[in-house]
Protein backbone atom coordinates (compact mmCIF):
# COMPACT_ATOMS: atom_id res chain seq x y z
CA UNK A 1 0.00 0.00 0.00
CA UNK A 2 1.34 3.39 -0.90
CA UNK A 3 1.63 6.33 1.42
CA UNK A 4 -1.24 8.04 -0.38
CA UNK A 5 -3.51 5.00 0.01
CA UNK A 6 -2.80 4.91 3.76
CA UNK A 7 -3.61 8.60 4.16
CA UNK A 8 -6.75 8.17 2.05
CA UNK A 9 -7.93 5.31 4.24
CA UNK A 10 -7.22 7.32 7.43
CA UNK A 11 -9.20 10.30 6.02
CA UNK A 12 -12.14 8.01 5.21
CA UNK A 13 -12.00 6.49 8.71
CA UNK A 14 -11.93 9.95 10.35
CA UNK A 15 -14.91 11.05 8.27
CA UNK A 16 -16.84 7.92 9.23
CA UNK A 17 -16.02 8.48 12.92
CA UNK A 18 -17.24 12.11 12.72
CA UNK A 19 -20.43 10.98 11.03
CA UNK A 20 -21.04 8.35 13.72
CA UNK A 21 -20.34 10.89 16.49
CA UNK A 22 -22.87 13.35 14.98
CA UNK A 23 -25.45 10.57 14.67
CA UNK A 24 -24.99 9.56 18.32
CA UNK A 25 -25.21 13.19 19.45
CA UNK A 26 -28.44 13.74 17.49
CA UNK A 27 -29.85 10.50 18.85
CA UNK A 28 -29.04 11.56 22.42
CA UNK A 29 -30.79 14.91 21.87
CA UNK A 30 -33.88 13.40 20.32
CA UNK A 31 -36.59 12.61 22.80
CA UNK A 32 -37.68 9.03 23.11
CA UNK A 33 -41.25 7.99 22.32
CA UNK A 34 -42.01 7.62 26.03
CA UNK A 35 -40.57 11.07 26.82
CA UNK A 36 -42.69 12.59 24.03
CA UNK A 37 -45.82 10.83 25.34
CA UNK A 38 -45.08 12.14 28.84
CA UNK A 39 -44.53 15.66 27.51
CA UNK A 40 -47.83 15.50 25.59
CA UNK A 41 -49.66 14.39 28.76
CA UNK A 42 -48.16 17.28 30.72
CA UNK A 43 -49.22 19.85 28.12
CA UNK A 44 -52.63 18.22 27.66
CA UNK A 45 -53.39 18.44 31.38
CA UNK A 46 -52.32 22.09 31.62
CA UNK A 47 -54.19 23.20 28.51
CA UNK A 48 -57.36 21.19 29.10
CA UNK A 49 -57.59 22.74 32.59
CA UNK A 50 -57.21 26.21 31.05
CA UNK A 51 -59.87 25.40 28.43
CA UNK A 52 -62.25 24.17 31.12
CA UNK A 53 -61.77 27.25 33.32
CA UNK A 54 -62.35 29.66 30.42
CA UNK A 55 -65.26 27.93 28.69
CA UNK A 56 -67.00 27.40 32.04
CA UNK A 57 -67.43 31.20 32.25
CA UNK A 58 -69.57 31.48 29.09
CA UNK A 59 -72.84 30.28 30.71
CA UNK A 60 -72.45 33.08 33.30
CA UNK A 61 -72.75 35.60 30.46
CA UNK A 62 -75.10 33.66 28.19
CA UNK A 63 -77.71 31.89 30.34
CA UNK A 64 -79.04 28.73 28.78
CA UNK A 65 -75.69 27.30 27.77
CA UNK A 66 -74.85 23.95 29.31
CA UNK A 67 -71.24 23.08 30.12
CA UNK A 68 -69.64 19.71 29.44
CA UNK A 69 -66.21 18.19 29.88
CA UNK A 70 -64.89 16.38 26.80
CA UNK A 71 -62.51 13.44 27.00
CA UNK A 72 -61.76 10.38 24.96
CA UNK A 73 -61.10 9.72 21.28
CA UNK A 74 -61.80 13.34 20.25
CA UNK A 75 -59.37 14.67 22.83
CA UNK A 76 -59.58 16.43 26.19
CA UNK A 77 -61.17 19.79 26.80
CA UNK A 78 -64.60 21.31 27.29
CA UNK A 79 -67.61 22.65 25.51
CA UNK A 80 -70.83 24.58 25.92
CA UNK A 81 -74.04 24.13 23.97
CA UNK A 82 -77.64 25.29 23.88
CA UNK A 83 -80.83 24.67 21.97
CA UNK A 84 -83.15 27.58 21.30
CA UNK A 85 -86.65 27.61 19.90
CA UNK A 86 -87.73 30.61 17.88
CA UNK A 87 -90.38 31.73 15.48
CA UNK A 88 -89.50 32.49 11.92
CA UNK A 89 -91.60 32.75 8.74
CA UNK A 90 -94.74 31.52 10.47
CA UNK A 91 -93.19 28.36 11.84
CA UNK A 92 -91.27 27.17 14.84
CA UNK A 93 -87.49 26.84 14.34
CA UNK A 94 -84.86 25.12 16.46
CA UNK A 95 -81.48 26.81 16.78
CA UNK A 96 -78.39 25.02 18.01
CA UNK A 97 -75.25 26.77 19.29
CA UNK A 98 -72.06 25.13 20.49
CA UNK A 99 -68.41 25.82 21.27
CA UNK A 100 -66.05 22.89 21.69
CA UNK A 101 -62.31 23.02 22.30
CA UNK A 102 -60.00 20.05 22.75
CA UNK A 103 -56.39 19.00 22.92
CA UNK A 104 -56.11 16.08 20.52
CA UNK A 105 -54.72 12.71 21.69
CA UNK A 106 -51.06 11.78 21.33
CA UNK A 107 -50.14 10.48 17.88
CA UNK A 108 -47.13 9.24 15.97
CA UNK A 109 -46.76 12.74 14.48
CA UNK A 110 -45.42 13.93 17.87
CA UNK A 111 -47.33 17.21 17.84
CA UNK A 112 -49.51 19.02 20.35
CA UNK A 113 -52.75 19.93 18.59
CA UNK A 114 -55.50 22.26 19.74
CA UNK A 115 -58.84 22.06 17.92
CA UNK A 116 -61.94 24.27 18.21
CA UNK A 117 -65.35 24.30 16.58
CA UNK A 118 -67.97 26.98 16.96
CA UNK A 119 -71.59 26.97 15.83
CA UNK A 120 -74.03 29.84 16.34
CA UNK A 121 -77.73 29.36 15.57
CA UNK A 122 -77.16 26.36 13.25
CA UNK A 123 -74.27 27.99 11.35
CA UNK A 124 -70.70 26.86 11.79
CA UNK A 125 -68.78 30.03 12.60
CA UNK A 126 -65.32 28.48 12.78
CA UNK A 127 -63.45 25.21 12.71
CA UNK A 128 -59.83 25.74 13.72
CA UNK A 129 -56.76 23.77 14.54
CA UNK A 130 -53.28 24.72 15.69
CA UNK A 131 -50.34 22.41 16.30
CA UNK A 132 -46.66 22.53 17.16
CA UNK A 133 -44.00 19.84 17.45
CA UNK A 134 -43.89 18.53 21.02
CA UNK A 135 -40.24 19.43 21.52
CA UNK A 136 -40.89 23.02 20.30
CA UNK A 137 -44.18 23.85 22.08
CA UNK A 138 -44.77 27.43 23.21
CA UNK A 139 -47.38 27.10 25.99
CA UNK A 140 -48.07 30.83 26.06
CA UNK A 141 -49.00 30.69 22.39
CA UNK A 142 -51.52 27.92 23.08
CA UNK A 143 -53.11 29.67 26.07
CA UNK A 144 -53.41 32.91 24.07
CA UNK A 145 -55.11 31.01 21.24
CA UNK A 146 -57.54 29.39 23.69
CA UNK A 147 -58.44 32.79 25.13
CA UNK A 148 -58.70 34.41 21.70
CA UNK A 149 -60.93 31.70 20.21
CA UNK A 150 -63.29 31.75 23.21
CA UNK A 151 -63.52 35.55 23.11
CA UNK A 152 -64.12 35.44 19.36
CA UNK A 153 -66.94 32.92 19.81
CA UNK A 154 -68.54 35.04 22.55
CA UNK A 155 -68.49 38.06 20.23
CA UNK A 156 -69.97 36.07 17.32
CA UNK A 157 -72.68 34.61 19.54
CA UNK A 158 -73.59 37.99 21.01
CA UNK A 159 -73.81 39.51 17.52
CA UNK A 160 -76.20 36.81 16.22
CA UNK A 161 -78.29 36.02 19.28
C-alpha atoms as a PDB file:
ATOM      1  CA  UNK A   1       0.000   0.000   0.000  1.00  0.00           C
ATOM      2  CA  UNK A   2       1.338   3.388  -0.904  1.00  0.00           C
ATOM      3  CA  UNK A   3       1.629   6.333   1.417  1.00  0.00           C
ATOM      4  CA  UNK A   4      -1.240   8.037  -0.381  1.00  0.00           C
ATOM      5  CA  UNK A   5      -3.510   4.996   0.014  1.00  0.00           C
ATOM      6  CA  UNK A   6      -2.804   4.906   3.756  1.00  0.00           C
ATOM      7  CA  UNK A   7      -3.606   8.602   4.161  1.00  0.00           C
ATOM      8  CA  UNK A   8      -6.748   8.173   2.048  1.00  0.00           C
ATOM      9  CA  UNK A   9      -7.932   5.305   4.236  1.00  0.00           C
ATOM     10  CA  UNK A  10      -7.219   7.316   7.425  1.00  0.00           C
ATOM     11  CA  UNK A  11      -9.202  10.297   6.025  1.00  0.00           C
ATOM     12  CA  UNK A  12     -12.140   8.014   5.205  1.00  0.00           C
ATOM     13  CA  UNK A  13     -11.997   6.492   8.711  1.00  0.00           C
ATOM     14  CA  UNK A  14     -11.930   9.950  10.354  1.00  0.00           C
ATOM     15  CA  UNK A  15     -14.908  11.048   8.271  1.00  0.00           C
ATOM     16  CA  UNK A  16     -16.835   7.920   9.230  1.00  0.00           C
ATOM     17  CA  UNK A  17     -16.023   8.485  12.916  1.00  0.00           C
ATOM     18  CA  UNK A  18     -17.241  12.111  12.719  1.00  0.00           C
ATOM     19  CA  UNK A  19     -20.433  10.983  11.034  1.00  0.00           C
ATOM     20  CA  UNK A  20     -21.036   8.347  13.721  1.00  0.00           C
ATOM     21  CA  UNK A  21     -20.340  10.893  16.492  1.00  0.00           C
ATOM     22  CA  UNK A  22     -22.866  13.347  14.978  1.00  0.00           C
ATOM     23  CA  UNK A  23     -25.452  10.572  14.672  1.00  0.00           C
ATOM     24  CA  UNK A  24     -24.988   9.558  18.325  1.00  0.00           C
ATOM     25  CA  UNK A  25     -25.207  13.187  19.445  1.00  0.00           C
ATOM     26  CA  UNK A  26     -28.439  13.736  17.494  1.00  0.00           C
ATOM     27  CA  UNK A  27     -29.854  10.501  18.852  1.00  0.00           C
ATOM     28  CA  UNK A  28     -29.043  11.561  22.423  1.00  0.00           C
ATOM     29  CA  UNK A  29     -30.790  14.906  21.871  1.00  0.00           C
ATOM     30  CA  UNK A  30     -33.880  13.402  20.318  1.00  0.00           C
ATOM     31  CA  UNK A  31     -36.592  12.612  22.805  1.00  0.00           C
ATOM     32  CA  UNK A  32     -37.685   9.031  23.106  1.00  0.00           C
ATOM     33  CA  UNK A  33     -41.251   7.988  22.317  1.00  0.00           C
ATOM     34  CA  UNK A  34     -42.012   7.624  26.030  1.00  0.00           C
ATOM     35  CA  UNK A  35     -40.571  11.066  26.817  1.00  0.00           C
ATOM     36  CA  UNK A  36     -42.692  12.590  24.028  1.00  0.00           C
ATOM     37  CA  UNK A  37     -45.819  10.829  25.341  1.00  0.00           C
ATOM     38  CA  UNK A  38     -45.082  12.140  28.835  1.00  0.00           C
ATOM     39  CA  UNK A  39     -44.533  15.664  27.509  1.00  0.00           C
ATOM     40  CA  UNK A  40     -47.834  15.495  25.586  1.00  0.00           C
ATOM     41  CA  UNK A  41     -49.661  14.386  28.755  1.00  0.00           C
ATOM     42  CA  UNK A  42     -48.159  17.277  30.725  1.00  0.00           C
ATOM     43  CA  UNK A  43     -49.220  19.852  28.115  1.00  0.00           C
ATOM     44  CA  UNK A  44     -52.630  18.216  27.660  1.00  0.00           C
ATOM     45  CA  UNK A  45     -53.393  18.441  31.383  1.00  0.00           C
ATOM     46  CA  UNK A  46     -52.316  22.091  31.623  1.00  0.00           C
ATOM     47  CA  UNK A  47     -54.186  23.202  28.508  1.00  0.00           C
ATOM     48  CA  UNK A  48     -57.359  21.187  29.102  1.00  0.00           C
ATOM     49  CA  UNK A  49     -57.590  22.736  32.595  1.00  0.00           C
ATOM     50  CA  UNK A  50     -57.215  26.205  31.055  1.00  0.00           C
ATOM     51  CA  UNK A  51     -59.870  25.398  28.427  1.00  0.00           C
ATOM     52  CA  UNK A  52     -62.254  24.172  31.119  1.00  0.00           C
ATOM     53  CA  UNK A  53     -61.767  27.251  33.324  1.00  0.00           C
ATOM     54  CA  UNK A  54     -62.348  29.665  30.424  1.00  0.00           C
ATOM     55  CA  UNK A  55     -65.264  27.931  28.689  1.00  0.00           C
ATOM     56  CA  UNK A  56     -67.003  27.403  32.037  1.00  0.00           C
ATOM     57  CA  UNK A  57     -67.434  31.204  32.248  1.00  0.00           C
ATOM     58  CA  UNK A  58     -69.569  31.484  29.089  1.00  0.00           C
ATOM     59  CA  UNK A  59     -72.843  30.281  30.715  1.00  0.00           C
ATOM     60  CA  UNK A  60     -72.454  33.078  33.296  1.00  0.00           C
ATOM     61  CA  UNK A  61     -72.746  35.600  30.458  1.00  0.00           C
ATOM     62  CA  UNK A  62     -75.102  33.656  28.188  1.00  0.00           C
ATOM     63  CA  UNK A  63     -77.705  31.887  30.338  1.00  0.00           C
ATOM     64  CA  UNK A  64     -79.041  28.725  28.783  1.00  0.00           C
ATOM     65  CA  UNK A  65     -75.686  27.304  27.767  1.00  0.00           C
ATOM     66  CA  UNK A  66     -74.848  23.951  29.305  1.00  0.00           C
ATOM     67  CA  UNK A  67     -71.245  23.078  30.115  1.00  0.00           C
ATOM     68  CA  UNK A  68     -69.643  19.708  29.435  1.00  0.00           C
ATOM     69  CA  UNK A  69     -66.213  18.195  29.875  1.00  0.00           C
ATOM     70  CA  UNK A  70     -64.894  16.384  26.804  1.00  0.00           C
ATOM     71  CA  UNK A  71     -62.508  13.440  27.003  1.00  0.00           C
ATOM     72  CA  UNK A  72     -61.761  10.379  24.955  1.00  0.00           C
ATOM     73  CA  UNK A  73     -61.096   9.724  21.277  1.00  0.00           C
ATOM     74  CA  UNK A  74     -61.803  13.340  20.250  1.00  0.00           C
ATOM     75  CA  UNK A  75     -59.371  14.675  22.825  1.00  0.00           C
ATOM     76  CA  UNK A  76     -59.576  16.430  26.192  1.00  0.00           C
ATOM     77  CA  UNK A  77     -61.171  19.785  26.799  1.00  0.00           C
ATOM     78  CA  UNK A  78     -64.602  21.313  27.291  1.00  0.00           C
ATOM     79  CA  UNK A  79     -67.611  22.648  25.506  1.00  0.00           C
ATOM     80  CA  UNK A  80     -70.831  24.576  25.925  1.00  0.00           C
ATOM     81  CA  UNK A  81     -74.044  24.132  23.969  1.00  0.00           C
ATOM     82  CA  UNK A  82     -77.640  25.294  23.883  1.00  0.00           C
ATOM     83  CA  UNK A  83     -80.832  24.668  21.966  1.00  0.00           C
ATOM     84  CA  UNK A  84     -83.145  27.583  21.296  1.00  0.00           C
ATOM     85  CA  UNK A  85     -86.645  27.611  19.901  1.00  0.00           C
ATOM     86  CA  UNK A  86     -87.734  30.607  17.880  1.00  0.00           C
ATOM     87  CA  UNK A  87     -90.376  31.734  15.475  1.00  0.00           C
ATOM     88  CA  UNK A  88     -89.503  32.494  11.917  1.00  0.00           C
ATOM     89  CA  UNK A  89     -91.600  32.747   8.745  1.00  0.00           C
ATOM     90  CA  UNK A  90     -94.740  31.520  10.472  1.00  0.00           C
ATOM     91  CA  UNK A  91     -93.191  28.358  11.843  1.00  0.00           C
ATOM     92  CA  UNK A  92     -91.269  27.170  14.841  1.00  0.00           C
ATOM     93  CA  UNK A  93     -87.492  26.845  14.341  1.00  0.00           C
ATOM     94  CA  UNK A  94     -84.856  25.125  16.463  1.00  0.00           C
ATOM     95  CA  UNK A  95     -81.478  26.805  16.777  1.00  0.00           C
ATOM     96  CA  UNK A  96     -78.387  25.022  18.012  1.00  0.00           C
ATOM     97  CA  UNK A  97     -75.247  26.772  19.287  1.00  0.00           C
ATOM     98  CA  UNK A  98     -72.058  25.132  20.492  1.00  0.00           C
ATOM     99  CA  UNK A  99     -68.412  25.823  21.269  1.00  0.00           C
ATOM    100  CA  UNK A 100     -66.051  22.889  21.694  1.00  0.00           C
ATOM    101  CA  UNK A 101     -62.315  23.023  22.304  1.00  0.00           C
ATOM    102  CA  UNK A 102     -60.004  20.051  22.755  1.00  0.00           C
ATOM    103  CA  UNK A 103     -56.388  19.002  22.921  1.00  0.00           C
ATOM    104  CA  UNK A 104     -56.108  16.075  20.515  1.00  0.00           C
ATOM    105  CA  UNK A 105     -54.721  12.712  21.693  1.00  0.00           C
ATOM    106  CA  UNK A 106     -51.058  11.783  21.331  1.00  0.00           C
ATOM    107  CA  UNK A 107     -50.144  10.483  17.884  1.00  0.00           C
ATOM    108  CA  UNK A 108     -47.128   9.238  15.968  1.00  0.00           C
ATOM    109  CA  UNK A 109     -46.761  12.741  14.478  1.00  0.00           C
ATOM    110  CA  UNK A 110     -45.417  13.935  17.871  1.00  0.00           C
ATOM    111  CA  UNK A 111     -47.334  17.211  17.844  1.00  0.00           C
ATOM    112  CA  UNK A 112     -49.514  19.022  20.347  1.00  0.00           C
ATOM    113  CA  UNK A 113     -52.752  19.933  18.591  1.00  0.00           C
ATOM    114  CA  UNK A 114     -55.497  22.264  19.738  1.00  0.00           C
ATOM    115  CA  UNK A 115     -58.841  22.062  17.919  1.00  0.00           C
ATOM    116  CA  UNK A 116     -61.937  24.267  18.213  1.00  0.00           C
ATOM    117  CA  UNK A 117     -65.353  24.300  16.581  1.00  0.00           C
ATOM    118  CA  UNK A 118     -67.970  26.983  16.956  1.00  0.00           C
ATOM    119  CA  UNK A 119     -71.592  26.973  15.826  1.00  0.00           C
ATOM    120  CA  UNK A 120     -74.027  29.842  16.336  1.00  0.00           C
ATOM    121  CA  UNK A 121     -77.725  29.358  15.570  1.00  0.00           C
ATOM    122  CA  UNK A 122     -77.156  26.362  13.251  1.00  0.00           C
ATOM    123  CA  UNK A 123     -74.274  27.994  11.351  1.00  0.00           C
ATOM    124  CA  UNK A 124     -70.701  26.858  11.789  1.00  0.00           C
ATOM    125  CA  UNK A 125     -68.777  30.028  12.595  1.00  0.00           C
ATOM    126  CA  UNK A 126     -65.322  28.478  12.777  1.00  0.00           C
ATOM    127  CA  UNK A 127     -63.449  25.210  12.707  1.00  0.00           C
ATOM    128  CA  UNK A 128     -59.832  25.742  13.724  1.00  0.00           C
ATOM    129  CA  UNK A 129     -56.759  23.770  14.542  1.00  0.00           C
ATOM    130  CA  UNK A 130     -53.282  24.717  15.686  1.00  0.00           C
ATOM    131  CA  UNK A 131     -50.343  22.414  16.301  1.00  0.00           C
ATOM    132  CA  UNK A 132     -46.661  22.526  17.165  1.00  0.00           C
ATOM    133  CA  UNK A 133     -43.999  19.839  17.445  1.00  0.00           C
ATOM    134  CA  UNK A 134     -43.890  18.535  21.019  1.00  0.00           C
ATOM    135  CA  UNK A 135     -40.237  19.434  21.519  1.00  0.00           C
ATOM    136  CA  UNK A 136     -40.892  23.019  20.300  1.00  0.00           C
ATOM    137  CA  UNK A 137     -44.184  23.846  22.084  1.00  0.00           C
ATOM    138  CA  UNK A 138     -44.773  27.426  23.212  1.00  0.00           C
ATOM    139  CA  UNK A 139     -47.380  27.099  25.987  1.00  0.00           C
ATOM    140  CA  UNK A 140     -48.069  30.828  26.057  1.00  0.00           C
ATOM    141  CA  UNK A 141     -48.996  30.693  22.392  1.00  0.00           C
ATOM    142  CA  UNK A 142     -51.517  27.918  23.085  1.00  0.00           C
ATOM    143  CA  UNK A 143     -53.110  29.674  26.072  1.00  0.00           C
ATOM    144  CA  UNK A 144     -53.405  32.906  24.066  1.00  0.00           C
ATOM    145  CA  UNK A 145     -55.114  31.008  21.241  1.00  0.00           C
ATOM    146  CA  UNK A 146     -57.540  29.393  23.691  1.00  0.00           C
ATOM    147  CA  UNK A 147     -58.436  32.792  25.127  1.00  0.00           C
ATOM    148  CA  UNK A 148     -58.704  34.412  21.699  1.00  0.00           C
ATOM    149  CA  UNK A 149     -60.934  31.697  20.210  1.00  0.00           C
ATOM    150  CA  UNK A 150     -63.288  31.753  23.207  1.00  0.00           C
ATOM    151  CA  UNK A 151     -63.524  35.551  23.114  1.00  0.00           C
ATOM    152  CA  UNK A 152     -64.122  35.440  19.363  1.00  0.00           C
ATOM    153  CA  UNK A 153     -66.939  32.919  19.814  1.00  0.00           C
ATOM    154  CA  UNK A 154     -68.543  35.044  22.546  1.00  0.00           C
ATOM    155  CA  UNK A 155     -68.495  38.056  20.225  1.00  0.00           C
ATOM    156  CA  UNK A 156     -69.972  36.069  17.324  1.00  0.00           C
ATOM    157  CA  UNK A 157     -72.681  34.609  19.538  1.00  0.00           C
ATOM    158  CA  UNK A 158     -73.593  37.992  21.015  1.00  0.00           C
ATOM    159  CA  UNK A 159     -73.812  39.506  17.520  1.00  0.00           C
ATOM    160  CA  UNK A 160     -76.198  36.808  16.217  1.00  0.00           C
ATOM    161  CA  UNK A 161     -78.290  36.024  19.279  1.00  0.00           C
END
